[in-house]
Amino acid sequence: MKKTIITVVGKDSVGIIAKVCTYLSENQVNILDISQTIVQGYFNMMMIADVNEATKDFVGLSNDLEKIGEEIGCIIKIQREDIFNKMHRL
């Protein structure tokens, strides 16, 4: 299993979760866990996803998610789990 961490942050609006999850589903990315909150009108979501069966490579997923973020007014980042874990151990 190749796990990744996907974060979505921005001003809350209708359809953020639907847009991101639809893209992931269309590209065979399995969402393993998801958490989202809205604080004073700002949306924050973190997902753990399995990209083992993804139809695109990591760079392709990252570029597409960044574009989707621009379309919906959010910042979307995807990080490999191992890099995320090492980064947060420092």
Protein backbone atom coordinates (compact mmCIF):
# COMPACT_ATOMS: atom_id res chain seq x y z
CA MET A 1 0.00 0.00 0.00
CA LYS A 2 1.31 3.45 -0.95
CA LYS A 3 -0.19 5.92 1.48
CA THR A 4 -0.33 9.66 0.94
CA ILE A 5 -1.55 12.59 2.99
CA ILE A 6 -3.79 15.06 1.17
CA THR A 7 -4.61 18.43 2.73
CA VAL A 8 -7.18 20.95 1.56
CA VAL A 9 -7.36 24.43 3.11
CA GLY A 10 -9.35 27.48 2.07
CA LYS A 11 -12.45 29.57 2.49
CA ASP A 12 -15.48 27.31 2.86
CA SER A 13 -17.79 26.87 -0.13
CA VAL A 14 -20.25 24.32 -1.41
CA GLY A 15 -18.77 21.28 -3.17
CA ILE A 16 -15.17 21.21 -1.95
CA ILE A 17 -15.36 17.65 -0.64
CA ALA A 18 -17.36 16.48 -3.67
CA LYS A 19 -14.89 17.96 -6.16
CA VAL A 20 -11.79 16.48 -4.49
CA CYS A 21 -13.34 13.08 -3.77
CA THR A 22 -14.77 12.76 -7.28
CA TYR A 23 -11.33 13.41 -8.78
CA LEU A 24 -9.71 10.85 -6.47
CA SER A 25 -12.36 8.25 -7.29
CA GLU A 26 -12.00 8.80 -11.04
CA ASN A 27 -8.26 8.17 -10.68
CA GLN A 28 -8.57 5.00 -8.56
CA VAL A 29 -7.27 6.66 -5.37
CA ASN A 30 -8.81 5.02 -2.32
CA ILE A 31 -9.58 7.27 0.65
CA LEU A 32 -8.66 5.39 3.84
CA ASP A 33 -9.47 8.11 6.38
CA ILE A 34 -10.84 11.63 6.21
CA SER A 35 -11.26 14.47 8.67
CA GLN A 36 -12.67 17.90 7.96
CA THR A 37 -13.51 20.96 10.00
CA ILE A 38 -14.79 24.44 9.37
CA VAL A 39 -13.56 27.17 11.70
CA GLN A 40 -14.94 30.70 11.29
CA GLY A 41 -15.65 30.13 7.61
CA TYR A 42 -12.37 28.41 6.78
CA PHE A 43 -12.38 24.83 5.54
CA ASN A 44 -9.66 22.35 6.52
CA MET A 45 -9.58 18.71 5.39
CA MET A 46 -6.97 16.01 5.78
CA MET A 47 -7.17 12.66 4.05
CA ILE A 48 -5.07 9.54 4.16
CA ALA A 49 -5.29 7.84 0.79
CA ASP A 50 -3.90 4.75 -0.92
CA VAL A 51 -2.46 5.57 -4.35
CA ASN A 52 -1.26 2.03 -5.10
CA GLU A 53 -3.86 1.56 -7.87
CA ALA A 54 -3.87 5.18 -9.07
CA THR A 55 -4.14 5.70 -12.82
CA LYS A 56 -1.70 8.63 -12.67
CA ASP A 57 1.74 8.94 -11.15
CA PHE A 58 2.34 11.00 -8.01
CA VAL A 59 3.43 14.12 -9.93
CA GLY A 60 0.32 13.94 -12.13
CA LEU A 61 -1.94 13.64 -9.10
CA SER A 62 -0.15 16.54 -7.41
CA ASN A 63 -0.45 18.81 -10.45
CA ASP A 64 -4.12 17.98 -10.99
CA LEU A 65 -5.00 18.53 -7.32
CA GLU A 66 -3.20 21.87 -7.36
CA LYS A 67 -5.29 22.93 -10.39
CA ILE A 68 -8.50 21.78 -8.73
CA GLY A 69 -7.53 23.82 -5.67
CA GLU A 70 -7.11 26.92 -7.83
CA GLU A 71 -10.55 26.33 -9.35
CA ILE A 72 -12.28 26.05 -5.96
CA GLY A 73 -10.22 28.65 -4.10
CA CYS A 74 -8.28 26.23 -1.89
CA ILE A 75 -4.72 25.07 -1.46
CA ILE A 76 -4.46 21.31 -2.03
CA LYS A 77 -1.25 19.46 -1.24
CA ILE A 78 -0.40 15.77 -1.51
CA GLN A 79 2.59 14.27 0.30
CA ARG A 80 3.95 10.77 0.47
CA GLU A 81 3.37 9.27 3.91
CA ASP A 82 7.03 8.46 4.51
CA ILE A 83 8.13 12.05 3.78
CA PHE A 84 5.28 13.40 5.90
CA ASN A 85 6.29 11.17 8.83
CA LYS A 86 9.99 12.09 8.59
CA MET A 87 9.21 15.79 8.28
CA HIS A 88 7.13 15.74 11.46
CA ARG A 89 9.73 13.87 13.50
CA LEU A 90 12.18 16.76 13.36
